[in-house]
Amino acid sequence: MVEDILITKEHGHLATLIFNRPEKKNALSPELLLKLHLVLKEWRERDDIRVVVVTGGRGHPFSSGFDIAAIPTDLTPEMAEILKEHNPLELCLTSIKNFPYPTIAMIDGYVYGAGLNLAMCCDIRIGADDIRAGMPPAKLGLVYHPGGIRQFMEVIGIARTRELFLAARTYRGTEVKRMGLVDYLVPPSELEETTAGLAAEIAANAPLSLKGTKRIINMMGDFPALGEDDLREAEQLIGEAFNSEDLKEGQVAFFERRKPRFKGC
């Protein structure tokens, strides 16, 4: 069976996680997300991996987003138990953001939806200068979960988060950097070398300093959490959109490659 995540480890405490679903444009299946979470959990406990690079692989898109149609079929007992109590996407995003050492997203091709959210949970993002990126929920009739929106706010601020989600545009090249979605843009031929160089530079620094600094930055960067009433309202809004006719229209329009005709119901 072909693994949907490939792991490479290099000298100097570096490791790379490669999405390996090219036939699905590296869409994030629940199974892939759980595997990524468990790998990071193992590395967190071992404490010997000091920089993690996450990528869609050389010449492949980073990710087309969450694979709604994917049904987990080859789960270990541990993964099945986790899936009963946790949303695999939120679990994976939290694992990346809270990994004790720095993480880098190396982005080629394009990155959309939950894939972009995953990249935003990394500490640093490096992209090829011809990449495309966007958050399409509004074009599909969906309301994105508040935890994910909050992660964008932490990185690009409230104003750009508003534009990103409300316009639901696809940004290209330098527009991606203008929106703050990547930190560096480089020619595709230099993407791997640039990422590897920065990863090696970071990994050579003092481990306790890396861990302590990242933890403090995460603590200081957190926006105030939503209260219980706010969370209930958010869940209601998400549910209304999920059960709407507009969601069905958005899905059909996407597959028919036409503009959706939304009615607000």
Protein backbone atom coordinates (compact mmCIF):
# COMPACT_ATOMS: atom_id res chain seq x y z
CA MET A 1 0.00 0.00 0.00
CA VAL A 2 1.26 3.49 -0.89
CA GLU A 3 1.78 5.65 2.19
CA ASP A 4 -0.02 9.00 2.12
CA ILE A 5 2.74 10.60 4.20
CA LEU A 6 6.44 10.16 3.49
CA ILE A 7 9.01 10.90 6.20
CA THR A 8 12.62 11.81 5.56
CA LYS A 9 15.16 12.47 8.28
CA GLU A 10 18.41 14.23 7.70
CA HIS A 11 21.49 14.99 9.75
CA GLY A 12 21.38 17.92 12.11
CA HIS A 13 18.03 17.14 13.75
CA LEU A 14 15.99 17.92 10.62
CA ALA A 15 12.94 16.02 9.37
CA THR A 16 10.56 16.44 6.44
CA LEU A 17 6.93 15.35 6.19
CA ILE A 18 5.74 14.96 2.59
CA PHE A 19 2.09 14.63 1.62
CA ASN A 20 1.89 11.76 -0.86
CA ARG A 21 -1.56 11.84 -2.45
CA PRO A 22 -0.74 13.28 -5.90
CA GLU A 23 -3.79 11.63 -7.46
CA LYS A 24 -5.94 13.64 -5.01
CA LYS A 25 -3.89 16.83 -5.38
CA ASN A 26 -2.62 16.22 -1.84
CA ALA A 27 -6.07 16.71 -0.33
CA LEU A 28 -5.97 16.19 3.43
CA SER A 29 -7.82 13.01 4.34
CA PRO A 30 -8.74 12.22 7.97
CA GLU A 31 -6.29 9.31 7.84
CA LEU A 32 -3.42 11.51 6.63
CA LEU A 33 -4.17 14.10 9.30
CA LEU A 34 -4.18 11.49 12.07
CA LYS A 35 -0.90 10.02 10.85
CA LEU A 36 0.70 13.46 10.82
CA HIS A 37 -0.54 14.09 14.36
CA LEU A 38 0.88 10.78 15.63
CA VAL A 39 4.27 11.36 13.98
CA LEU A 40 4.55 14.79 15.58
CA LYS A 41 3.46 13.35 18.92
CA GLU A 42 6.25 10.75 18.74
CA TRP A 43 8.87 13.33 17.79
CA ARG A 44 7.66 15.64 20.55
CA GLU A 45 8.24 12.91 23.14
CA ARG A 46 11.66 11.95 21.75
CA ASP A 47 12.88 15.58 21.57
CA ASP A 48 15.53 14.96 18.91
CA ILE A 49 13.82 16.60 15.89
CA ARG A 50 14.43 20.34 16.10
CA VAL A 51 13.06 21.53 12.76
CA VAL A 52 10.18 20.00 10.78
CA VAL A 53 9.54 20.86 7.12
CA VAL A 54 6.03 20.13 5.81
CA THR A 55 5.56 19.97 2.03
CA GLY A 56 3.55 18.49 -0.81
CA GLY A 57 6.70 17.20 -2.46
CA ARG A 58 8.86 18.39 -5.28
CA GLY A 59 6.81 19.57 -8.23
CA HIS A 60 3.49 18.81 -6.53
CA PRO A 61 0.90 21.15 -4.99
CA PHE A 62 1.09 21.65 -1.23
CA SER A 63 -2.58 20.75 -0.77
CA SER A 64 -5.95 21.31 -2.42
CA GLY A 65 -7.68 21.35 0.97
CA PHE A 66 -9.66 18.96 3.13
CA ASP A 67 -10.80 15.76 1.41
CA ILE A 68 -14.46 15.67 2.44
CA ALA A 69 -15.11 12.49 0.45
CA ALA A 70 -12.31 10.45 2.05
CA ILE A 71 -13.44 7.69 4.39
CA PRO A 72 -10.79 6.21 6.72
CA THR A 73 -10.26 2.57 5.77
CA ASP A 74 -6.95 1.45 7.22
CA LEU A 75 -6.95 2.81 10.76
CA THR A 76 -4.92 1.31 13.56
CA PRO A 77 -6.80 0.76 16.85
CA GLU A 78 -5.06 3.85 18.26
CA MET A 79 -6.17 6.00 15.31
CA ALA A 80 -9.75 4.68 15.49
CA GLU A 81 -9.93 5.57 19.17
CA ILE A 82 -8.62 9.09 18.56
CA LEU A 83 -11.13 9.61 15.75
CA LYS A 84 -14.04 8.90 18.12
CA GLU A 85 -13.27 11.94 20.26
CA HIS A 86 -11.39 14.41 18.06
CA ASN A 87 -11.80 16.24 14.78
CA PRO A 88 -8.73 15.06 12.82
CA LEU A 89 -8.18 18.43 11.13
CA GLU A 90 -8.28 20.46 14.35
CA LEU A 91 -6.12 17.83 16.08
CA CYS A 92 -3.48 18.00 13.35
CA LEU A 93 -3.46 21.80 13.19
CA THR A 94 -2.99 22.02 16.95
CA SER A 95 -0.15 19.47 16.81
CA ILE A 96 1.70 21.52 14.21
CA LYS A 97 1.19 24.85 15.92
CA ASN A 98 2.21 23.50 19.33
CA PHE A 99 5.11 21.33 18.19
CA PRO A 100 7.87 22.42 20.56
CA TYR A 101 10.40 23.19 17.83
CA PRO A 102 10.09 25.35 14.70
CA THR A 103 8.10 24.14 11.68
CA ILE A 104 8.43 25.32 8.08
CA ALA A 105 5.86 24.97 5.28
CA MET A 106 7.53 24.58 1.85
CA ILE A 107 4.82 25.46 -0.68
CA ASP A 108 4.87 24.63 -4.38
CA GLY A 109 2.06 24.74 -6.93
CA TYR A 110 -0.99 25.81 -4.96
CA VAL A 111 -2.52 25.65 -1.50
CA TYR A 112 -6.20 26.04 -0.64
CA GLY A 113 -8.63 25.73 2.24
CA ALA A 114 -7.55 23.48 5.08
CA GLY A 115 -4.18 23.05 3.36
CA LEU A 116 -3.58 26.79 3.68
CA ASN A 117 -4.77 26.65 7.28
CA LEU A 118 -2.19 23.92 7.95
CA ALA A 119 0.55 26.05 6.39
CA MET A 120 -0.49 29.00 8.57
CA CYS A 121 0.05 26.85 11.67
CA CYS A 122 3.71 26.49 10.71
CA ASP A 123 6.15 29.05 12.08
CA ILE A 124 7.58 30.00 8.68
CA ARG A 125 6.24 29.65 5.11
CA ILE A 126 8.42 29.59 2.00
CA GLY A 127 6.75 29.46 -1.40
CA ALA A 128 7.62 29.22 -5.06
CA ASP A 129 7.08 32.59 -6.73
CA ASP A 130 4.33 31.24 -9.00
CA ILE A 131 2.13 29.70 -6.27
CA ARG A 132 -1.62 30.17 -5.90
CA ALA A 133 -3.43 30.33 -2.56
CA GLY A 134 -6.94 30.94 -1.29
CA MET A 135 -9.71 30.16 1.19
CA PRO A 136 -12.83 29.17 -0.83
CA PRO A 137 -15.49 28.38 1.85
CA ALA A 138 -17.64 31.40 0.89
CA LYS A 139 -17.72 30.16 -2.72
CA LEU A 140 -18.88 26.74 -1.51
CA GLY A 141 -21.54 27.93 0.94
CA LEU A 142 -19.58 26.93 4.06
CA VAL A 143 -18.77 28.73 7.31
CA TYR A 144 -15.23 27.96 8.42
CA HIS A 145 -14.64 26.83 12.01
CA PRO A 146 -13.64 29.62 14.46
CA GLY A 147 -10.40 27.93 15.52
CA GLY A 148 -9.16 28.04 11.94
CA ILE A 149 -10.17 31.67 11.41
CA ARG A 150 -8.37 32.55 14.62
CA GLN A 151 -5.15 31.01 13.33
CA PHE A 152 -5.27 33.25 10.27
CA MET A 153 -5.91 36.29 12.45
CA GLU A 154 -2.83 35.47 14.52
CA VAL A 155 -0.62 35.43 11.42
CA ILE A 156 -2.02 37.98 8.95
CA GLY A 157 -4.24 40.13 11.19
CA ILE A 158 -7.96 40.82 11.23
CA ALA A 159 -8.19 43.04 8.12
CA ARG A 160 -6.46 40.58 5.79
CA THR A 161 -8.35 37.67 7.31
CA ARG A 162 -11.60 39.48 6.47
CA GLU A 163 -10.53 39.90 2.84
CA LEU A 164 -9.21 36.35 2.55
CA PHE A 165 -12.43 34.71 3.75
CA LEU A 166 -15.04 37.19 2.49
CA ALA A 167 -13.66 37.69 -1.02
CA ALA A 168 -12.63 34.02 -1.32
CA ARG A 169 -10.22 34.98 -4.07
CA THR A 170 -7.32 33.01 -5.46
CA TYR A 171 -4.11 34.98 -4.89
CA ARG A 172 -1.12 34.47 -7.14
CA GLY A 173 2.61 35.06 -6.87
CA THR A 174 3.45 38.35 -5.17
CA GLU A 175 -0.21 38.77 -4.09
CA VAL A 176 0.28 35.77 -1.80
CA LYS A 177 3.16 37.54 -0.07
CA ARG A 178 1.28 40.84 0.06
CA MET A 179 -1.47 39.10 1.99
CA GLY A 180 1.12 37.77 4.44
CA LEU A 181 0.39 34.13 3.55
CA VAL A 182 4.08 33.40 2.93
CA ASP A 183 7.26 34.90 4.35
CA TYR A 184 9.48 34.22 1.34
CA LEU A 185 8.91 33.80 -2.40
CA VAL A 186 11.70 32.21 -4.43
CA PRO A 187 12.02 30.72 -7.92
CA PRO A 188 10.76 27.11 -8.01
CA SER A 189 14.27 25.88 -8.78
CA GLU A 190 15.52 27.43 -5.51
CA LEU A 191 12.65 26.36 -3.25
CA GLU A 192 14.22 23.24 -1.78
CA GLU A 193 17.67 24.79 -1.35
CA THR A 194 16.28 27.91 0.34
CA THR A 195 14.11 25.86 2.70
CA ALA A 196 16.90 23.43 3.56
CA GLY A 197 19.31 26.29 4.26
CA LEU A 198 16.95 28.07 6.65
CA ALA A 199 16.03 24.78 8.36
CA ALA A 200 19.69 23.92 8.93
CA GLU A 201 20.40 27.41 10.27
CA ILE A 202 17.54 27.14 12.77
CA ALA A 203 18.43 23.57 13.82
CA ALA A 204 21.97 24.67 14.70
CA ASN A 205 20.66 27.01 17.41
CA ALA A 206 20.30 26.12 21.10
CA PRO A 207 17.42 23.64 21.64
CA LEU A 208 16.19 25.17 24.91
CA SER A 209 16.20 28.60 23.32
CA LEU A 210 14.19 27.37 20.34
CA LYS A 211 11.62 25.64 22.52
CA GLY A 212 11.32 28.42 25.07
CA THR A 213 11.09 31.20 22.51
CA LYS A 214 8.47 29.40 20.41
CA ARG A 215 6.37 28.66 23.49
CA ILE A 216 6.45 32.28 24.64
CA ILE A 217 5.58 33.56 21.15
CA ASN A 218 2.61 31.18 21.00
CA MET A 219 1.42 32.33 24.41
CA MET A 220 1.71 36.01 23.52
CA GLY A 221 0.25 35.62 20.04
CA ASP A 222 -2.99 33.95 21.07
CA PHE A 223 -6.12 36.01 20.56
CA PRO A 224 -8.64 35.88 23.41
CA ALA A 225 -10.56 32.60 23.31
CA LEU A 226 -14.28 32.62 22.50
CA GLY A 227 -16.64 32.19 25.44
CA GLU A 228 -19.18 29.39 25.66
CA ASP A 229 -22.04 31.53 24.31
CA ASP A 230 -19.89 32.65 21.36
CA LEU A 231 -18.88 29.06 20.61
CA ARG A 232 -22.52 27.93 20.64
CA GLU A 233 -23.46 30.73 18.25
CA ALA A 234 -20.54 29.85 15.97
CA GLU A 235 -21.61 26.19 15.91
CA GLN A 236 -25.15 27.26 15.02
CA LEU A 237 -23.90 29.41 12.14
CA ILE A 238 -21.72 26.58 10.84
CA GLY A 239 -24.66 24.15 11.08
CA GLU A 240 -27.05 26.48 9.24
CA ALA A 241 -24.60 26.85 6.37
CA PHE A 242 -23.83 23.13 6.29
CA ASN A 243 -27.53 22.25 5.96
CA SER A 244 -28.33 24.97 3.42
CA GLU A 245 -29.35 24.75 -0.21
CA ASP A 246 -26.50 27.15 -0.96
CA LEU A 247 -23.97 24.51 0.12
CA LYS A 248 -25.45 22.02 -2.37
CA GLU A 249 -25.42 24.69 -5.08
CA GLY A 250 -21.80 25.59 -4.26
CA GLN A 251 -20.70 21.98 -4.57
CA VAL A 252 -22.53 21.42 -7.85
CA ALA A 253 -21.20 24.67 -9.31
CA PHE A 254 -17.66 23.75 -8.30
CA PHE A 255 -17.82 20.41 -10.13
CA GLU A 256 -19.59 21.95 -13.13
CA ARG A 257 -16.96 24.72 -13.24
CA ARG A 258 -19.48 27.56 -13.22
CA LYS A 259 -20.37 30.44 -10.95
CA PRO A 260 -22.76 29.42 -8.16
CA ARG A 261 -26.25 30.92 -7.96
CA PHE A 262 -26.70 31.44 -4.23
CA LYS A 263 -30.12 32.24 -2.70
CA GLY A 264 -29.20 32.74 0.96
CA CYS A 265 -31.09 29.71 2.23
